[in-house]
């Protein structure tokens, strides 16, 4: 069995936070990155790379900035 890991991608552990959908303090798993062209990100007031997280209870996806609110 082979395990492939990209050296360019960080490995994120689970994070405990309050889910805005199910209103439960639960674990969130790292889901990946959403990348925006710079001009789109600037127009929307976003960073060009947004990290996404999944609630392990209801599977809601939230951005990292929402995770820390």
Foldseek 3Di string as FASTA:
>chain_A
DDDDDDPVDDADDWDFAQDPPVRDGAIKHWDAWDADDPVVCVVVVHDRIWTWIAGPPPRDIDTPVVRVD
